[in-house]
Protein backbone atom coordinates (compact mmCIF):
# COMPACT_ATOMS: atom_id res chain seq x y z
CA UNK A 1 0.00 0.00 0.00
CA UNK A 2 1.40 3.42 -0.87
CA UNK A 3 2.03 6.10 1.75
CA UNK A 4 -0.23 8.57 -0.02
CA UNK A 5 -3.15 6.16 0.22
CA UNK A 6 -2.94 5.97 4.01
CA UNK A 7 -5.42 8.08 5.89
CA UNK A 8 -5.15 8.59 9.61
CA UNK A 9 -8.19 8.57 11.83
CA UNK A 10 -8.16 11.37 14.39
CA UNK A 11 -8.82 10.33 17.95
CA UNK A 12 -11.65 12.20 19.73
CA UNK A 13 -10.52 15.20 21.75
CA UNK A 14 -12.88 14.52 24.64
CA UNK A 15 -12.40 11.75 27.14
CA UNK A 16 -15.57 10.16 28.46
CA UNK A 17 -13.84 7.92 30.95
CA UNK A 18 -14.97 8.05 34.55
CA UNK A 19 -12.33 9.43 36.87
CA UNK A 20 -11.38 7.35 39.85
CA UNK A 21 -12.75 8.70 43.12
CA UNK A 22 -10.25 9.86 45.71
CA UNK A 23 -12.28 8.44 48.60
CA UNK A 24 -11.26 5.63 50.87
CA UNK A 25 -13.31 2.48 51.27
CA UNK A 26 -15.61 0.93 48.71
CA UNK A 27 -16.80 3.03 45.80
CA UNK A 28 -20.39 3.09 44.66
CA UNK A 29 -21.37 0.12 42.48
CA UNK A 30 -23.02 2.58 40.07
CA UNK A 31 -19.88 4.58 39.20
CA UNK A 32 -19.53 2.88 35.83
CA UNK A 33 -22.99 4.22 34.85
CA UNK A 34 -21.78 7.83 34.90
CA UNK A 35 -22.26 9.57 31.57
CA UNK A 36 -20.86 12.87 30.32
CA UNK A 37 -23.01 15.96 30.61
CA UNK A 38 -24.76 17.20 27.48
CA UNK A 39 -23.42 20.55 26.34
CA UNK A 40 -26.18 22.44 24.51
CA UNK A 41 -23.66 24.70 22.81
CA UNK A 42 -21.87 21.69 21.36
CA UNK A 43 -25.03 19.79 20.47
CA UNK A 44 -27.44 22.45 19.15
CA UNK A 45 -25.26 25.35 18.01
CA UNK A 46 -23.45 25.35 14.68
CA UNK A 47 -22.14 28.95 14.73
CA UNK A 48 -21.52 30.02 18.32
CA UNK A 49 -20.48 33.58 17.52
CA UNK A 50 -23.84 34.29 15.83
CA UNK A 51 -26.16 32.22 18.05
CA UNK A 52 -28.19 33.51 20.98
CA UNK A 53 -30.41 31.88 23.61
CA UNK A 54 -33.56 33.93 24.26
CA UNK A 55 -36.18 33.24 26.94
CA UNK A 56 -39.79 34.03 25.95
CA UNK A 57 -41.41 36.50 28.36
CA UNK A 58 -45.13 35.91 27.71
CA UNK A 59 -47.70 33.68 26.03
CA UNK A 60 -48.32 35.86 22.95
CA UNK A 61 -46.75 33.31 20.55
CA UNK A 62 -49.01 30.33 21.30
CA UNK A 63 -49.96 30.13 17.60
CA UNK A 64 -46.41 28.87 16.93
CA UNK A 65 -46.44 26.49 19.91
CA UNK A 66 -44.14 28.81 21.90
CA UNK A 67 -45.11 29.47 25.50
CA UNK A 68 -43.85 31.62 28.36
CA UNK A 69 -40.38 30.57 29.67
CA UNK A 70 -39.51 28.55 26.54
CA UNK A 71 -35.97 29.17 25.29
CA UNK A 72 -35.38 30.01 21.64
CA UNK A 73 -32.04 29.29 20.00
CA UNK A 74 -31.61 31.96 17.33
CA UNK A 75 -28.87 31.96 14.69
CA UNK A 76 -28.23 35.36 13.11
CA UNK A 77 -25.97 33.94 10.38
CA UNK A 78 -28.62 31.84 8.64
CA UNK A 79 -30.70 32.92 5.66
CA UNK A 80 -34.36 32.07 6.32
CA UNK A 81 -36.18 29.61 4.11
CA UNK A 82 -39.93 29.62 3.42
CA UNK A 83 -42.07 28.50 6.36
CA UNK A 84 -39.22 28.84 8.91
CA UNK A 85 -39.73 30.74 12.15
CA UNK A 86 -37.72 33.93 12.51
CA UNK A 87 -37.21 36.62 15.08
CA UNK A 88 -37.87 40.05 13.56
CA UNK A 89 -37.64 43.54 14.99
CA UNK A 90 -40.89 45.44 14.53
CA UNK A 91 -41.45 48.85 16.16
CA UNK A 92 -38.44 48.35 18.46
CA UNK A 93 -39.78 45.03 19.78
CA UNK A 94 -39.03 41.43 18.87
CA UNK A 95 -41.73 39.40 17.14
CA UNK A 96 -41.79 35.78 16.05
CA UNK A 97 -42.96 35.32 12.48
CA UNK A 98 -43.13 32.61 9.87
CA UNK A 99 -41.31 33.39 6.64
CA UNK A 100 -43.78 33.94 3.84
CA UNK A 101 -43.13 35.01 0.30
CA UNK A 102 -39.74 36.40 -0.69
CA UNK A 103 -41.18 39.90 -1.20
CA UNK A 104 -42.23 40.45 2.43
CA UNK A 105 -40.22 43.36 3.91
CA UNK A 106 -38.81 42.31 7.29
CA UNK A 107 -36.24 43.60 9.70
CA UNK A 108 -34.80 40.12 10.27
CA UNK A 109 -32.88 39.58 13.50
CA UNK A 110 -32.28 35.84 13.23
CA UNK A 111 -33.62 32.39 12.36
CA UNK A 112 -35.04 30.25 15.16
CA UNK A 113 -33.23 26.91 15.00
CA UNK A 114 -34.55 25.23 18.17
CA UNK A 115 -37.29 25.75 20.75
CA UNK A 116 -36.52 24.35 24.20
CA UNK A 117 -39.84 23.80 25.97
CA UNK A 118 -40.38 24.71 29.60
CA UNK A 119 -42.45 22.25 31.58
CA UNK A 120 -42.58 24.28 34.78
C-alpha atoms as a PDB file:
ATOM      1  CA  UNK A   1       0.000   0.000   0.000  1.00  0.00           C
ATOM      2  CA  UNK A   2       1.398   3.423  -0.867  1.00  0.00           C
ATOM      3  CA  UNK A   3       2.031   6.098   1.752  1.00  0.00           C
ATOM      4  CA  UNK A   4      -0.227   8.570  -0.024  1.00  0.00           C
ATOM      5  CA  UNK A   5      -3.154   6.158   0.223  1.00  0.00           C
ATOM      6  CA  UNK A   6      -2.942   5.967   4.011  1.00  0.00           C
ATOM      7  CA  UNK A   7      -5.423   8.078   5.889  1.00  0.00           C
ATOM      8  CA  UNK A   8      -5.155   8.593   9.606  1.00  0.00           C
ATOM      9  CA  UNK A   9      -8.189   8.572  11.831  1.00  0.00           C
ATOM     10  CA  UNK A  10      -8.164  11.369  14.391  1.00  0.00           C
ATOM     11  CA  UNK A  11      -8.823  10.328  17.953  1.00  0.00           C
ATOM     12  CA  UNK A  12     -11.647  12.197  19.726  1.00  0.00           C
ATOM     13  CA  UNK A  13     -10.517  15.198  21.753  1.00  0.00           C
ATOM     14  CA  UNK A  14     -12.880  14.522  24.641  1.00  0.00           C
ATOM     15  CA  UNK A  15     -12.403  11.754  27.141  1.00  0.00           C
ATOM     16  CA  UNK A  16     -15.570  10.165  28.462  1.00  0.00           C
ATOM     17  CA  UNK A  17     -13.842   7.921  30.954  1.00  0.00           C
ATOM     18  CA  UNK A  18     -14.966   8.052  34.548  1.00  0.00           C
ATOM     19  CA  UNK A  19     -12.329   9.431  36.871  1.00  0.00           C
ATOM     20  CA  UNK A  20     -11.383   7.351  39.851  1.00  0.00           C
ATOM     21  CA  UNK A  21     -12.748   8.695  43.124  1.00  0.00           C
ATOM     22  CA  UNK A  22     -10.249   9.863  45.712  1.00  0.00           C
ATOM     23  CA  UNK A  23     -12.276   8.443  48.602  1.00  0.00           C
ATOM     24  CA  UNK A  24     -11.260   5.631  50.866  1.00  0.00           C
ATOM     25  CA  UNK A  25     -13.308   2.483  51.273  1.00  0.00           C
ATOM     26  CA  UNK A  26     -15.606   0.927  48.705  1.00  0.00           C
ATOM     27  CA  UNK A  27     -16.800   3.027  45.797  1.00  0.00           C
ATOM     28  CA  UNK A  28     -20.395   3.088  44.663  1.00  0.00           C
ATOM     29  CA  UNK A  29     -21.371   0.123  42.483  1.00  0.00           C
ATOM     30  CA  UNK A  30     -23.022   2.583  40.068  1.00  0.00           C
ATOM     31  CA  UNK A  31     -19.879   4.578  39.201  1.00  0.00           C
ATOM     32  CA  UNK A  32     -19.531   2.879  35.829  1.00  0.00           C
ATOM     33  CA  UNK A  33     -22.985   4.222  34.849  1.00  0.00           C
ATOM     34  CA  UNK A  34     -21.782   7.834  34.903  1.00  0.00           C
ATOM     35  CA  UNK A  35     -22.260   9.571  31.570  1.00  0.00           C
ATOM     36  CA  UNK A  36     -20.857  12.870  30.320  1.00  0.00           C
ATOM     37  CA  UNK A  37     -23.014  15.963  30.609  1.00  0.00           C
ATOM     38  CA  UNK A  38     -24.755  17.197  27.478  1.00  0.00           C
ATOM     39  CA  UNK A  39     -23.423  20.551  26.340  1.00  0.00           C
ATOM     40  CA  UNK A  40     -26.180  22.441  24.507  1.00  0.00           C
ATOM     41  CA  UNK A  41     -23.657  24.700  22.811  1.00  0.00           C
ATOM     42  CA  UNK A  42     -21.867  21.691  21.362  1.00  0.00           C
ATOM     43  CA  UNK A  43     -25.032  19.791  20.471  1.00  0.00           C
ATOM     44  CA  UNK A  44     -27.439  22.451  19.151  1.00  0.00           C
ATOM     45  CA  UNK A  45     -25.260  25.355  18.013  1.00  0.00           C
ATOM     46  CA  UNK A  46     -23.453  25.355  14.679  1.00  0.00           C
ATOM     47  CA  UNK A  47     -22.139  28.954  14.727  1.00  0.00           C
ATOM     48  CA  UNK A  48     -21.517  30.016  18.322  1.00  0.00           C
ATOM     49  CA  UNK A  49     -20.483  33.584  17.522  1.00  0.00           C
ATOM     50  CA  UNK A  50     -23.838  34.291  15.827  1.00  0.00           C
ATOM     51  CA  UNK A  51     -26.163  32.224  18.051  1.00  0.00           C
ATOM     52  CA  UNK A  52     -28.190  33.507  20.984  1.00  0.00           C
ATOM     53  CA  UNK A  53     -30.415  31.878  23.609  1.00  0.00           C
ATOM     54  CA  UNK A  54     -33.562  33.933  24.256  1.00  0.00           C
ATOM     55  CA  UNK A  55     -36.176  33.237  26.938  1.00  0.00           C
ATOM     56  CA  UNK A  56     -39.790  34.030  25.952  1.00  0.00           C
ATOM     57  CA  UNK A  57     -41.412  36.504  28.365  1.00  0.00           C
ATOM     58  CA  UNK A  58     -45.126  35.911  27.706  1.00  0.00           C
ATOM     59  CA  UNK A  59     -47.701  33.680  26.031  1.00  0.00           C
ATOM     60  CA  UNK A  60     -48.315  35.855  22.947  1.00  0.00           C
ATOM     61  CA  UNK A  61     -46.745  33.310  20.551  1.00  0.00           C
ATOM     62  CA  UNK A  62     -49.010  30.330  21.298  1.00  0.00           C
ATOM     63  CA  UNK A  63     -49.957  30.132  17.598  1.00  0.00           C
ATOM     64  CA  UNK A  64     -46.411  28.868  16.931  1.00  0.00           C
ATOM     65  CA  UNK A  65     -46.436  26.489  19.909  1.00  0.00           C
ATOM     66  CA  UNK A  66     -44.139  28.808  21.900  1.00  0.00           C
ATOM     67  CA  UNK A  67     -45.114  29.467  25.499  1.00  0.00           C
ATOM     68  CA  UNK A  68     -43.849  31.619  28.359  1.00  0.00           C
ATOM     69  CA  UNK A  69     -40.380  30.572  29.669  1.00  0.00           C
ATOM     70  CA  UNK A  70     -39.509  28.549  26.543  1.00  0.00           C
ATOM     71  CA  UNK A  71     -35.972  29.170  25.295  1.00  0.00           C
ATOM     72  CA  UNK A  72     -35.375  30.010  21.641  1.00  0.00           C
ATOM     73  CA  UNK A  73     -32.044  29.294  20.002  1.00  0.00           C
ATOM     74  CA  UNK A  74     -31.614  31.965  17.333  1.00  0.00           C
ATOM     75  CA  UNK A  75     -28.871  31.963  14.693  1.00  0.00           C
ATOM     76  CA  UNK A  76     -28.225  35.360  13.107  1.00  0.00           C
ATOM     77  CA  UNK A  77     -25.965  33.936  10.381  1.00  0.00           C
ATOM     78  CA  UNK A  78     -28.621  31.839   8.639  1.00  0.00           C
ATOM     79  CA  UNK A  79     -30.704  32.923   5.662  1.00  0.00           C
ATOM     80  CA  UNK A  80     -34.360  32.072   6.320  1.00  0.00           C
ATOM     81  CA  UNK A  81     -36.179  29.611   4.112  1.00  0.00           C
ATOM     82  CA  UNK A  82     -39.928  29.625   3.420  1.00  0.00           C
ATOM     83  CA  UNK A  83     -42.070  28.496   6.360  1.00  0.00           C
ATOM     84  CA  UNK A  84     -39.218  28.842   8.913  1.00  0.00           C
ATOM     85  CA  UNK A  85     -39.730  30.738  12.153  1.00  0.00           C
ATOM     86  CA  UNK A  86     -37.719  33.926  12.507  1.00  0.00           C
ATOM     87  CA  UNK A  87     -37.206  36.620  15.080  1.00  0.00           C
ATOM     88  CA  UNK A  88     -37.866  40.052  13.565  1.00  0.00           C
ATOM     89  CA  UNK A  89     -37.635  43.543  14.987  1.00  0.00           C
ATOM     90  CA  UNK A  90     -40.893  45.441  14.531  1.00  0.00           C
ATOM     91  CA  UNK A  91     -41.453  48.850  16.162  1.00  0.00           C
ATOM     92  CA  UNK A  92     -38.435  48.351  18.457  1.00  0.00           C
ATOM     93  CA  UNK A  93     -39.777  45.031  19.778  1.00  0.00           C
ATOM     94  CA  UNK A  94     -39.028  41.427  18.873  1.00  0.00           C
ATOM     95  CA  UNK A  95     -41.735  39.403  17.141  1.00  0.00           C
ATOM     96  CA  UNK A  96     -41.786  35.776  16.055  1.00  0.00           C
ATOM     97  CA  UNK A  97     -42.956  35.323  12.478  1.00  0.00           C
ATOM     98  CA  UNK A  98     -43.134  32.612   9.874  1.00  0.00           C
ATOM     99  CA  UNK A  99     -41.306  33.386   6.642  1.00  0.00           C
ATOM    100  CA  UNK A 100     -43.780  33.939   3.838  1.00  0.00           C
ATOM    101  CA  UNK A 101     -43.133  35.009   0.296  1.00  0.00           C
ATOM    102  CA  UNK A 102     -39.739  36.405  -0.685  1.00  0.00           C
ATOM    103  CA  UNK A 103     -41.177  39.905  -1.200  1.00  0.00           C
ATOM    104  CA  UNK A 104     -42.226  40.455   2.434  1.00  0.00           C
ATOM    105  CA  UNK A 105     -40.221  43.360   3.915  1.00  0.00           C
ATOM    106  CA  UNK A 106     -38.811  42.311   7.289  1.00  0.00           C
ATOM    107  CA  UNK A 107     -36.237  43.601   9.700  1.00  0.00           C
ATOM    108  CA  UNK A 108     -34.803  40.124  10.267  1.00  0.00           C
ATOM    109  CA  UNK A 109     -32.878  39.584  13.502  1.00  0.00           C
ATOM    110  CA  UNK A 110     -32.278  35.843  13.230  1.00  0.00           C
ATOM    111  CA  UNK A 111     -33.619  32.390  12.358  1.00  0.00           C
ATOM    112  CA  UNK A 112     -35.044  30.245  15.160  1.00  0.00           C
ATOM    113  CA  UNK A 113     -33.225  26.911  15.004  1.00  0.00           C
ATOM    114  CA  UNK A 114     -34.551  25.227  18.172  1.00  0.00           C
ATOM    115  CA  UNK A 115     -37.287  25.751  20.755  1.00  0.00           C
ATOM    116  CA  UNK A 116     -36.522  24.353  24.199  1.00  0.00           C
ATOM    117  CA  UNK A 117     -39.844  23.798  25.973  1.00  0.00           C
ATOM    118  CA  UNK A 118     -40.381  24.712  29.603  1.00  0.00           C
ATOM    119  CA  UNK A 119     -42.450  22.248  31.584  1.00  0.00           C
ATOM    120  CA  UNK A 120     -42.581  24.281  34.781  1.00  0.00           C
END
